[in-house]
Amino acid sequence: MAAAAWLARSRAPADQLITFGPAGYEAYARLRYIPDPISPGQLETDVDLPAERELWSPQARRALHVLAEFTTTPDRCFFCI
């Protein structure tokens, strides 16, 4: 839980934290698990996902392994998912 304490202490609006993470980092990466809206006015939350859809796809696993290489502590790396 200590690795995520910054979430509870942050004064940023919840939607900003959820979408972009905390302010102050030199760079950010966002890995999307849901499709982009396909029609004008459609929200990301309006997309119907099949119940059998896997959260951890092979592409997501690979991306997290690659992202871990960009830290000085790859054996102790946390992702907020």
C-alpha atoms as a PDB file:
ATOM      1  CA  MET A   1       0.000   0.000   0.000  1.00  0.00           C
ATOM      2  CA  ALA A   2       2.889   2.406   0.682  1.00  0.00           C
ATOM      3  CA  ALA A   3       3.779   2.534  -3.023  1.00  0.00           C
ATOM      4  CA  ALA A   4       0.356   4.051  -3.759  1.00  0.00           C
ATOM      5  CA  ALA A   5       0.228   6.491  -0.830  1.00  0.00           C
ATOM      6  CA  TRP A   6       0.698   9.413  -3.210  1.00  0.00           C
ATOM      7  CA  LEU A   7      -2.801   8.724  -4.570  1.00  0.00           C
ATOM      8  CA  ALA A   8      -4.400   9.309  -1.181  1.00  0.00           C
ATOM      9  CA  ARG A   9      -2.278  12.398  -0.440  1.00  0.00           C
ATOM     10  CA  SER A  10      -2.749  14.087  -3.804  1.00  0.00           C
ATOM     11  CA  ARG A  11      -4.807  17.256  -3.990  1.00  0.00           C
ATOM     12  CA  ALA A  12      -5.436  16.784  -7.708  1.00  0.00           C
ATOM     13  CA  PRO A  13      -8.983  16.029  -8.856  1.00  0.00           C
ATOM     14  CA  ALA A  14      -9.722  12.279  -8.995  1.00  0.00           C
ATOM     15  CA  ASP A  15     -10.433  12.295 -12.748  1.00  0.00           C
ATOM     16  CA  GLN A  16      -7.038  13.913 -13.407  1.00  0.00           C
ATOM     17  CA  LEU A  17      -5.223  11.334 -11.250  1.00  0.00           C
ATOM     18  CA  ILE A  18      -7.075   8.445 -12.881  1.00  0.00           C
ATOM     19  CA  THR A  19      -6.518   9.704 -16.417  1.00  0.00           C
ATOM     20  CA  PHE A  20      -3.066  11.297 -16.277  1.00  0.00           C
ATOM     21  CA  GLY A  21      -1.497  10.454 -12.911  1.00  0.00           C
ATOM     22  CA  PRO A  22       0.160  12.925 -10.558  1.00  0.00           C
ATOM     23  CA  ALA A  23       1.653  16.217 -11.743  1.00  0.00           C
ATOM     24  CA  GLY A  24       5.373  16.857 -11.697  1.00  0.00           C
ATOM     25  CA  TYR A  25       6.886  14.003 -13.702  1.00  0.00           C
ATOM     26  CA  GLU A  26       9.181  14.696 -16.634  1.00  0.00           C
ATOM     27  CA  ALA A  27       7.288  12.271 -18.892  1.00  0.00           C
ATOM     28  CA  TYR A  28       4.128  10.164 -18.865  1.00  0.00           C
ATOM     29  CA  ALA A  29       2.910   7.075 -20.696  1.00  0.00           C
ATOM     30  CA  ARG A  30      -0.665   5.883 -20.894  1.00  0.00           C
ATOM     31  CA  LEU A  31      -1.614   2.350 -21.850  1.00  0.00           C
ATOM     32  CA  ARG A  32      -5.280   2.119 -22.754  1.00  0.00           C
ATOM     33  CA  TYR A  33      -7.284  -1.032 -22.107  1.00  0.00           C
ATOM     34  CA  ILE A  34     -10.485   0.242 -23.634  1.00  0.00           C
ATOM     35  CA  PRO A  35     -11.191   1.283 -27.217  1.00  0.00           C
ATOM     36  CA  ASP A  36     -11.435   4.911 -28.198  1.00  0.00           C
ATOM     37  CA  PRO A  37     -14.943   6.302 -28.696  1.00  0.00           C
ATOM     38  CA  ILE A  38     -16.156   5.690 -32.245  1.00  0.00           C
ATOM     39  CA  SER A  39     -18.843   8.355 -32.588  1.00  0.00           C
ATOM     40  CA  PRO A  40     -19.100  12.065 -31.746  1.00  0.00           C
ATOM     41  CA  GLY A  41     -20.197  12.630 -28.157  1.00  0.00           C
ATOM     42  CA  GLN A  42     -19.527   9.023 -27.112  1.00  0.00           C
ATOM     43  CA  LEU A  43     -17.700   8.679 -23.811  1.00  0.00           C
ATOM     44  CA  GLU A  44     -15.023   6.079 -23.124  1.00  0.00           C
ATOM     45  CA  THR A  45     -17.363   4.624 -20.510  1.00  0.00           C
ATOM     46  CA  ASP A  46     -20.113   4.139 -23.129  1.00  0.00           C
ATOM     47  CA  VAL A  47     -18.170   1.408 -24.948  1.00  0.00           C
ATOM     48  CA  ASP A  48     -19.547  -2.091 -24.385  1.00  0.00           C
ATOM     49  CA  LEU A  49     -16.779  -4.586 -23.687  1.00  0.00           C
ATOM     50  CA  PRO A  50     -17.377  -8.321 -23.942  1.00  0.00           C
ATOM     51  CA  ALA A  51     -17.499 -10.093 -20.566  1.00  0.00           C
ATOM     52  CA  GLU A  52     -14.852 -12.594 -21.668  1.00  0.00           C
ATOM     53  CA  ARG A  53     -12.305  -9.868 -22.503  1.00  0.00           C
ATOM     54  CA  GLU A  54      -9.014 -10.442 -20.732  1.00  0.00           C
ATOM     55  CA  LEU A  55      -7.586  -7.556 -18.714  1.00  0.00           C
ATOM     56  CA  TRP A  56      -4.005  -8.772 -19.070  1.00  0.00           C
ATOM     57  CA  SER A  57      -3.474  -9.253 -22.762  1.00  0.00           C
ATOM     58  CA  PRO A  58      -0.087 -10.406 -24.065  1.00  0.00           C
ATOM     59  CA  GLN A  59       0.479  -6.885 -25.437  1.00  0.00           C
ATOM     60  CA  ALA A  60      -0.109  -5.335 -22.003  1.00  0.00           C
ATOM     61  CA  ARG A  61       2.322  -7.733 -20.339  1.00  0.00           C
ATOM     62  CA  ARG A  62       4.969  -6.917 -22.934  1.00  0.00           C
ATOM     63  CA  ALA A  63       4.404  -3.168 -22.587  1.00  0.00           C
ATOM     64  CA  LEU A  64       4.780  -3.308 -18.795  1.00  0.00           C
ATOM     65  CA  HIS A  65       8.034  -5.254 -19.123  1.00  0.00           C
ATOM     66  CA  VAL A  66       9.354  -2.698 -21.622  1.00  0.00           C
ATOM     67  CA  LEU A  67       8.286   0.241 -19.428  1.00  0.00           C
ATOM     68  CA  ALA A  68      10.034  -1.322 -16.435  1.00  0.00           C
ATOM     69  CA  GLU A  69      13.335  -1.033 -18.323  1.00  0.00           C
ATOM     70  CA  PHE A  70      13.049   2.768 -18.196  1.00  0.00           C
ATOM     71  CA  THR A  71      13.522   2.996 -14.441  1.00  0.00           C
ATOM     72  CA  THR A  72      16.647   2.725 -12.320  1.00  0.00           C
ATOM     73  CA  THR A  73      14.906   0.085 -10.195  1.00  0.00           C
ATOM     74  CA  PRO A  74      13.324  -2.388 -12.659  1.00  0.00           C
ATOM     75  CA  ASP A  75      13.124  -5.104  -9.990  1.00  0.00           C
ATOM     76  CA  ARG A  76      11.065  -2.751  -7.836  1.00  0.00           C
ATOM     77  CA  CYS A  77       8.694  -1.117 -10.273  1.00  0.00           C
ATOM     78  CA  PHE A  78       5.031  -0.229  -9.690  1.00  0.00           C
ATOM     79  CA  PHE A  79       2.270   0.521 -12.182  1.00  0.00           C
ATOM     80  CA  CYS A  80      -1.056   2.086 -11.275  1.00  0.00           C
ATOM     81  CA  ILE A  81      -3.683   0.052 -13.089  1.00  0.00           C
END
